[in-house]
Amino acid sequence: ELENFTIDPNTARCTLCNGFLQHAIKDSIKDKIPKKIFEFNKNFWQCIDCEQIYWEGTHIINLQEFVNRINEK
């Protein structure tokens, strides 16, 4: 899990339709995502237009680690 990471709902956009994202209540999306994703993540966001769901996946962690390594040099 990333420390100090959050999606800014004022600027975050859906990659499918470019709609704005809002924080999703975890229990409200339980049946819309894979069980393992639900169990291992606590923060979710949902597009207000197309309802696409996003979470803090390992790609975010890997990207943050990559940026940290670049900044160390």
PDB file of N, CA and C in Angstrom:
ATOM      1  N   GLU A   1       0.846  -1.182   0.000  1.00  0.00           N
ATOM      2  CA  GLU A   1       0.000   0.000   0.000  1.00  0.00           C
ATOM      3  C   GLU A   1       0.891   1.244   0.000  1.00  0.00           C
ATOM      4  N   LEU A   2       0.492   2.234  -0.735  1.00  0.00           N
ATOM      5  CA  LEU A   2       1.257   3.456  -0.814  1.00  0.00           C
ATOM      6  C   LEU A   2       0.939   4.382   0.337  1.00  0.00           C
ATOM      7  N   GLU A   3       1.978   4.996   0.873  1.00  0.00           N
ATOM      8  CA  GLU A   3       1.754   6.013   1.882  1.00  0.00           C
ATOM      9  C   GLU A   3       1.525   7.339   1.177  1.00  0.00           C
ATOM     10  N   ASN A   4       0.617   8.120   1.695  1.00  0.00           N
ATOM     11  CA  ASN A   4       0.335   9.461   1.181  1.00  0.00           C
ATOM     12  C   ASN A   4      -0.123   9.473  -0.266  1.00  0.00           C
ATOM     13  N   PHE A   5      -0.679   8.396  -0.757  1.00  0.00           N
ATOM     14  CA  PHE A   5      -1.176   8.382  -2.126  1.00  0.00           C
ATOM     15  C   PHE A   5      -2.686   8.484  -2.112  1.00  0.00           C
ATOM     16  N   THR A   6      -3.197   9.336  -2.964  1.00  0.00           N
ATOM     17  CA  THR A   6      -4.632   9.421  -3.138  1.00  0.00           C
ATOM     18  C   THR A   6      -4.915   9.972  -4.523  1.00  0.00           C
ATOM     19  N   ILE A   7      -6.056   9.647  -5.036  1.00  0.00           N
ATOM     20  CA  ILE A   7      -6.479  10.219  -6.305  1.00  0.00           C
ATOM     21  C   ILE A   7      -7.189  11.526  -6.004  1.00  0.00           C
ATOM     22  N   ASP A   8      -6.771  12.583  -6.650  1.00  0.00           N
ATOM     23  CA  ASP A   8      -7.395  13.889  -6.466  1.00  0.00           C
ATOM     24  C   ASP A   8      -8.658  13.962  -7.314  1.00  0.00           C
ATOM     25  N   PRO A   9      -9.837  13.975  -6.695  1.00  0.00           N
ATOM     26  CA  PRO A   9     -11.075  13.985  -7.469  1.00  0.00           C
ATOM     27  C   PRO A   9     -11.284  15.268  -8.274  1.00  0.00           C
ATOM     28  N   ASN A  10     -10.519  16.304  -7.977  1.00  0.00           N
ATOM     29  CA  ASN A  10     -10.632  17.552  -8.738  1.00  0.00           C
ATOM     30  C   ASN A  10      -9.920  17.484 -10.085  1.00  0.00           C
ATOM     31  N   THR A  11      -8.974  16.550 -10.197  1.00  0.00           N
ATOM     32  CA  THR A  11      -8.210  16.459 -11.436  1.00  0.00           C
ATOM     33  C   THR A  11      -8.198  15.073 -12.070  1.00  0.00           C
ATOM     34  N   ALA A  12      -8.511  14.041 -11.301  1.00  0.00           N
ATOM     35  CA  ALA A  12      -8.464  12.663 -11.820  1.00  0.00           C
ATOM     36  C   ALA A  12      -9.586  12.430 -12.818  1.00  0.00           C
ATOM     37  N   ARG A  13      -9.231  11.756 -13.909  1.00  0.00           N
ATOM     38  CA  ARG A  13     -10.208  11.470 -14.961  1.00  0.00           C
ATOM     39  C   ARG A  13     -10.198   9.991 -15.302  1.00  0.00           C
ATOM     40  N   CYS A  14     -11.316   9.514 -15.756  1.00  0.00           N
ATOM     41  CA  CYS A  14     -11.475   8.139 -16.195  1.00  0.00           C
ATOM     42  C   CYS A  14     -10.681   7.928 -17.483  1.00  0.00           C
ATOM     43  N   THR A  15      -9.983   6.819 -17.559  1.00  0.00           N
ATOM     44  CA  THR A  15      -9.212   6.524 -18.768  1.00  0.00           C
ATOM     45  C   THR A  15     -10.094   6.040 -19.907  1.00  0.00           C
ATOM     46  N   LEU A  16     -11.332   5.689 -19.621  1.00  0.00           N
ATOM     47  CA  LEU A  16     -12.236   5.228 -20.671  1.00  0.00           C
ATOM     48  C   LEU A  16     -13.044   6.359 -21.304  1.00  0.00           C
ATOM     49  N   CYS A  17     -13.634   7.224 -20.463  1.00  0.00           N
ATOM     50  CA  CYS A  17     -14.542   8.239 -21.001  1.00  0.00           C
ATOM     51  C   CYS A  17     -14.162   9.674 -20.627  1.00  0.00           C
ATOM     52  N   ASN A  18     -13.097   9.835 -19.835  1.00  0.00           N
ATOM     53  CA  ASN A  18     -12.618  11.142 -19.392  1.00  0.00           C
ATOM     54  C   ASN A  18     -13.540  11.791 -18.361  1.00  0.00           C
ATOM     55  N   GLY A  19     -14.446  11.025 -17.773  1.00  0.00           N
ATOM     56  CA  GLY A  19     -15.309  11.549 -16.720  1.00  0.00           C
ATOM     57  C   GLY A  19     -14.529  11.725 -15.426  1.00  0.00           C
ATOM     58  N   PHE A  20     -15.082  12.508 -14.514  1.00  0.00           N
ATOM     59  CA  PHE A  20     -14.443  12.705 -13.212  1.00  0.00           C
ATOM     60  C   PHE A  20     -14.610  11.476 -12.340  1.00  0.00           C
ATOM     61  N   LEU A  21     -13.633  11.257 -11.449  1.00  0.00           N
ATOM     62  CA  LEU A  21     -13.686  10.146 -10.509  1.00  0.00           C
ATOM     63  C   LEU A  21     -14.125  10.648  -9.147  1.00  0.00           C
ATOM     64  N   GLN A  22     -14.838   9.792  -8.436  1.00  0.00           N
ATOM     65  CA  GLN A  22     -15.197  10.091  -7.059  1.00  0.00           C
ATOM     66  C   GLN A  22     -14.870   8.882  -6.205  1.00  0.00           C
ATOM     67  N   HIS A  23     -14.622   9.124  -4.924  1.00  0.00           N
ATOM     68  CA  HIS A  23     -14.333   8.021  -4.016  1.00  0.00           C
ATOM     69  C   HIS A  23     -15.544   7.109  -3.967  1.00  0.00           C
ATOM     70  N   ALA A  24     -15.309   5.806  -4.034  1.00  0.00           N
ATOM     71  CA  ALA A  24     -16.396   4.826  -3.998  1.00  0.00           C
ATOM     72  C   ALA A  24     -16.423   4.160  -2.630  1.00  0.00           C
ATOM     73  N   ILE A  25     -17.593   3.992  -2.088  1.00  0.00           N
ATOM     74  CA  ILE A  25     -17.762   3.257  -0.836  1.00  0.00           C
ATOM     75  C   ILE A  25     -17.535   1.780  -1.156  1.00  0.00           C
ATOM     76  N   LYS A  26     -16.595   1.190  -0.452  1.00  0.00           N
ATOM     77  CA  LYS A  26     -16.141  -0.161  -0.763  1.00  0.00           C
ATOM     78  C   LYS A  26     -17.288  -1.168  -0.855  1.00  0.00           C
ATOM     79  N   ASP A  27     -18.175  -1.164   0.097  1.00  0.00           N
ATOM     80  CA  ASP A  27     -19.269  -2.146   0.097  1.00  0.00           C
ATOM     81  C   ASP A  27     -20.222  -1.964  -1.084  1.00  0.00           C
ATOM     82  N   SER A  28     -20.285  -0.761  -1.643  1.00  0.00           N
ATOM     83  CA  SER A  28     -21.218  -0.520  -2.748  1.00  0.00           C
ATOM     84  C   SER A  28     -20.730  -1.092  -4.082  1.00  0.00           C
ATOM     85  N   ILE A  29     -19.438  -1.450  -4.157  1.00  0.00           N
ATOM     86  CA  ILE A  29     -18.890  -1.980  -5.408  1.00  0.00           C
ATOM     87  C   ILE A  29     -18.464  -3.438  -5.289  1.00  0.00           C
ATOM     88  N   LYS A  30     -18.745  -4.047  -4.175  1.00  0.00           N
ATOM     89  CA  LYS A  30     -18.298  -5.415  -3.887  1.00  0.00           C
ATOM     90  C   LYS A  30     -18.615  -6.392  -5.010  1.00  0.00           C
ATOM     91  N   ASP A  31     -19.792  -6.310  -5.582  1.00  0.00           N
ATOM     92  CA  ASP A  31     -20.206  -7.253  -6.623  1.00  0.00           C
ATOM     93  C   ASP A  31     -19.744  -6.843  -8.017  1.00  0.00           C
ATOM     94  N   LYS A  32     -19.008  -5.759  -8.124  1.00  0.00           N
ATOM     95  CA  LYS A  32     -18.584  -5.257  -9.435  1.00  0.00           C
ATOM     96  C   LYS A  32     -17.104  -5.460  -9.713  1.00  0.00           C
ATOM     97  N   ILE A  33     -16.368  -6.008  -8.741  1.00  0.00           N
ATOM     98  CA  ILE A  33     -14.928  -6.225  -8.906  1.00  0.00           C
ATOM     99  C   ILE A  33     -14.566  -7.634  -8.448  1.00  0.00           C
ATOM    100  N   PRO A  34     -13.415  -8.152  -8.907  1.00  0.00           N
ATOM    101  CA  PRO A  34     -12.988  -9.486  -8.472  1.00  0.00           C
ATOM    102  C   PRO A  34     -12.811  -9.558  -6.950  1.00  0.00           C
ATOM    103  N   LYS A  35     -13.111 -10.702  -6.403  1.00  0.00           N
ATOM    104  CA  LYS A  35     -13.065 -10.907  -4.952  1.00  0.00           C
ATOM    105  C   LYS A  35     -11.699 -10.562  -4.359  1.00  0.00           C
ATOM    106  N   LYS A  36     -10.633 -11.008  -5.003  1.00  0.00           N
ATOM    107  CA  LYS A  36      -9.276 -10.744  -4.485  1.00  0.00           C
ATOM    108  C   LYS A  36      -8.964  -9.250  -4.479  1.00  0.00           C
ATOM    109  N   ILE A  37      -9.407  -8.536  -5.506  1.00  0.00           N
ATOM    110  CA  ILE A  37      -9.204  -7.087  -5.555  1.00  0.00           C
ATOM    111  C   ILE A  37      -9.936  -6.438  -4.385  1.00  0.00           C
ATOM    112  N   PHE A  38     -11.157  -6.881  -4.136  1.00  0.00           N
ATOM    113  CA  PHE A  38     -11.951  -6.352  -3.026  1.00  0.00           C
ATOM    114  C   PHE A  38     -11.267  -6.614  -1.685  1.00  0.00           C
ATOM    115  N   GLU A  39     -10.734  -7.824  -1.518  1.00  0.00           N
ATOM    116  CA  GLU A  39     -10.127  -8.214  -0.242  1.00  0.00           C
ATOM    117  C   GLU A  39      -8.809  -7.488   0.044  1.00  0.00           C
ATOM    118  N   PHE A  40      -8.018  -7.230  -0.996  1.00  0.00           N
ATOM    119  CA  PHE A  40      -6.677  -6.709  -0.780  1.00  0.00           C
ATOM    120  C   PHE A  40      -6.526  -5.202  -0.968  1.00  0.00           C
ATOM    121  N   ASN A  41      -7.594  -4.503  -1.253  1.00  0.00           N
ATOM    122  CA  ASN A  41      -7.526  -3.059  -1.432  1.00  0.00           C
ATOM    123  C   ASN A  41      -8.561  -2.379  -0.555  1.00  0.00           C
ATOM    124  N   LYS A  42      -8.236  -1.158  -0.133  1.00  0.00           N
ATOM    125  CA  LYS A  42      -9.199  -0.459   0.710  1.00  0.00           C
ATOM    126  C   LYS A  42      -9.741   0.809   0.059  1.00  0.00           C
ATOM    127  N   ASN A  43      -9.034   1.373  -0.898  1.00  0.00           N
ATOM    128  CA  ASN A  43      -9.471   2.608  -1.542  1.00  0.00           C
ATOM    129  C   ASN A  43      -9.892   2.346  -2.981  1.00  0.00           C
ATOM    130  N   PHE A  44     -11.069   2.822  -3.310  1.00  0.00           N
ATOM    131  CA  PHE A  44     -11.609   2.653  -4.652  1.00  0.00           C
ATOM    132  C   PHE A  44     -12.198   3.970  -5.127  1.00  0.00           C
ATOM    133  N   TRP A  45     -12.162   4.181  -6.441  1.00  0.00           N
ATOM    134  CA  TRP A  45     -12.759   5.353  -7.067  1.00  0.00           C
ATOM    135  C   TRP A  45     -13.615   4.884  -8.229  1.00  0.00           C
ATOM    136  N   GLN A  46     -14.649   5.646  -8.525  1.00  0.00           N
ATOM    137  CA  GLN A  46     -15.547   5.261  -9.608  1.00  0.00           C
ATOM    138  C   GLN A  46     -15.855   6.475 -10.471  1.00  0.00           C
ATOM    139  N   CYS A  47     -15.884   6.249 -11.777  1.00  0.00           N
ATOM    140  CA  CYS A  47     -16.224   7.313 -12.720  1.00  0.00           C
ATOM    141  C   CYS A  47     -17.696   7.671 -12.540  1.00  0.00           C
ATOM    142  N   ILE A  48     -17.969   8.970 -12.480  1.00  0.00           N
ATOM    143  CA  ILE A  48     -19.358   9.393 -12.289  1.00  0.00           C
ATOM    144  C   ILE A  48     -20.174   9.256 -13.575  1.00  0.00           C
ATOM    145  N   ASP A  49     -19.501   9.070 -14.715  1.00  0.00           N
ATOM    146  CA  ASP A  49     -20.212   8.933 -15.985  1.00  0.00           C
ATOM    147  C   ASP A  49     -20.405   7.474 -16.403  1.00  0.00           C
ATOM    148  N   CYS A  50     -19.309   6.737 -16.576  1.00  0.00           N
ATOM    149  CA  CYS A  50     -19.419   5.362 -17.080  1.00  0.00           C
ATOM    150  C   CYS A  50     -19.349   4.300 -15.982  1.00  0.00           C
ATOM    151  N   GLU A  51     -19.079   4.715 -14.744  1.00  0.00           N
ATOM    152  CA  GLU A  51     -19.034   3.840 -13.572  1.00  0.00           C
ATOM    153  C   GLU A  51     -17.846   2.866 -13.545  1.00  0.00           C
ATOM    154  N   GLN A  52     -16.829   3.121 -14.362  1.00  0.00           N
ATOM    155  CA  GLN A  52     -15.595   2.325 -14.300  1.00  0.00           C
ATOM    156  C   GLN A  52     -15.001   2.465 -12.899  1.00  0.00           C
ATOM    157  N   ILE A  53     -14.476   1.376 -12.360  1.00  0.00           N
ATOM    158  CA  ILE A  53     -13.927   1.367 -11.004  1.00  0.00           C
ATOM    159  C   ILE A  53     -12.412   1.293 -11.070  1.00  0.00           C
ATOM    160  N   TYR A  54     -11.763   2.062 -10.196  1.00  0.00           N
ATOM    161  CA  TYR A  54     -10.299   2.106 -10.111  1.00  0.00           C
ATOM    162  C   TYR A  54      -9.881   1.840  -8.676  1.00  0.00           C
ATOM    163  N   TRP A  55      -8.661   1.299  -8.527  1.00  0.00           N
ATOM    164  CA  TRP A  55      -8.108   1.044  -7.203  1.00  0.00           C
ATOM    165  C   TRP A  55      -6.606   1.196  -7.281  1.00  0.00           C
ATOM    166  N   GLU A  56      -5.970   1.175  -6.104  1.00  0.00           N
ATOM    167  CA  GLU A  56      -4.517   1.304  -6.016  1.00  0.00           C
ATOM    168  C   GLU A  56      -3.886  -0.044  -6.298  1.00  0.00           C
ATOM    169  N   GLY A  57      -3.648  -0.331  -7.547  1.00  0.00           N
ATOM    170  CA  GLY A  57      -3.055  -1.609  -7.929  1.00  0.00           C
ATOM    171  C   GLY A  57      -1.549  -1.593  -7.801  1.00  0.00           C
ATOM    172  N   THR A  58      -0.940  -2.722  -8.056  1.00  0.00           N
ATOM    173  CA  THR A  58       0.519  -2.813  -7.953  1.00  0.00           C
ATOM    174  C   THR A  58       1.206  -1.918  -8.974  1.00  0.00           C
ATOM    175  N   HIS A  59       0.517  -1.577 -10.070  1.00  0.00           N
ATOM    176  CA  HIS A  59       1.119  -0.676 -11.060  1.00  0.00           C
ATOM    177  C   HIS A  59       1.399   0.689 -10.453  1.00  0.00           C
ATOM    178  N   ILE A  60       0.565   1.147  -9.543  1.00  0.00           N
ATOM    179  CA  ILE A  60       0.787   2.431  -8.877  1.00  0.00           C
ATOM    180  C   ILE A  60       2.000   2.336  -7.953  1.00  0.00           C
ATOM    181  N   ILE A  61       2.095   1.251  -7.203  1.00  0.00           N
ATOM    182  CA  ILE A  61       3.229   1.050  -6.305  1.00  0.00           C
ATOM    183  C   ILE A  61       4.522   0.976  -7.108  1.00  0.00           C
ATOM    184  N   ASN A  62       4.522   0.203  -8.200  1.00  0.00           N
ATOM    185  CA  ASN A  62       5.718   0.083  -9.035  1.00  0.00           C
ATOM    186  C   ASN A  62       6.114   1.425  -9.640  1.00  0.00           C
ATOM    187  N   LEU A  63       5.146   2.203 -10.076  1.00  0.00           N
ATOM    188  CA  LEU A  63       5.428   3.515 -10.645  1.00  0.00           C
ATOM    189  C   LEU A  63       6.022   4.438  -9.588  1.00  0.00           C
ATOM    190  N   GLN A  64       5.469   4.435  -8.385  1.00  0.00           N
ATOM    191  CA  GLN A  64       5.999   5.279  -7.309  1.00  0.00           C
ATOM    192  C   GLN A  64       7.425   4.878  -6.958  1.00  0.00           C
ATOM    193  N   GLU A  65       7.713   3.588  -6.909  1.00  0.00           N
ATOM    194  CA  GLU A  65       9.073   3.125  -6.623  1.00  0.00           C
ATOM    195  C   GLU A  65      10.033   3.565  -7.722  1.00  0.00           C
ATOM    196  N   PHE A  66       9.596   3.493  -8.964  1.00  0.00           N
ATOM    197  CA  PHE A  66      10.402   3.931 -10.103  1.00  0.00           C
ATOM    198  C   PHE A  66      10.715   5.424  -9.984  1.00  0.00           C
ATOM    199  N   VAL A  67       9.728   6.229  -9.693  1.00  0.00           N
ATOM    200  CA  VAL A  67       9.929   7.671  -9.543  1.00  0.00           C
ATOM    201  C   VAL A  67      10.862   7.955  -8.384  1.00  0.00           C
ATOM    202  N   ASN A  68      10.707   7.242  -7.300  1.00  0.00           N
ATOM    203  CA  ASN A  68      11.602   7.429  -6.145  1.00  0.00           C
ATOM    204  C   ASN A  68      13.045   7.122  -6.502  1.00  0.00           C
ATOM    205  N   ARG A  69      13.262   6.038  -7.284  1.00  0.00           N
ATOM    206  CA  ARG A  69      14.626   5.696  -7.704  1.00  0.00           C
ATOM    207  C   ARG A  69      15.229   6.774  -8.593  1.00  0.00           C
ATOM    208  N   ILE A  70      14.433   7.318  -9.480  1.00  0.00           N
ATOM    209  CA  ILE A  70      14.917   8.399 -10.363  1.00  0.00           C
ATOM    210  C   ILE A  70      15.271   9.628  -9.547  1.00  0.00           C
ATOM    211  N   ASN A  71      14.464   9.969  -8.567  1.00  0.00           N
ATOM    212  CA  ASN A  71      14.697  11.150  -7.758  1.00  0.00           C
ATOM    213  C   ASN A  71      15.908  11.018  -6.845  1.00  0.00           C
ATOM    214  N   GLU A  72      16.324   9.780  -6.545  1.00  0.00           N
ATOM    215  CA  GLU A  72      17.493   9.555  -5.711  1.00  0.00           C
ATOM    216  C   GLU A  72      18.793   9.856  -6.419  1.00  0.00           C
ATOM    217  N   LYS A  73      18.775   9.832  -7.742  1.00  0.00           N
ATOM    218  CA  LYS A  73      20.003  10.008  -8.518  1.00  0.00           C
ATOM    219  C   LYS A  73      20.337  11.456  -8.705  1.00  0.00           C
TER     220      LYS A  73
END
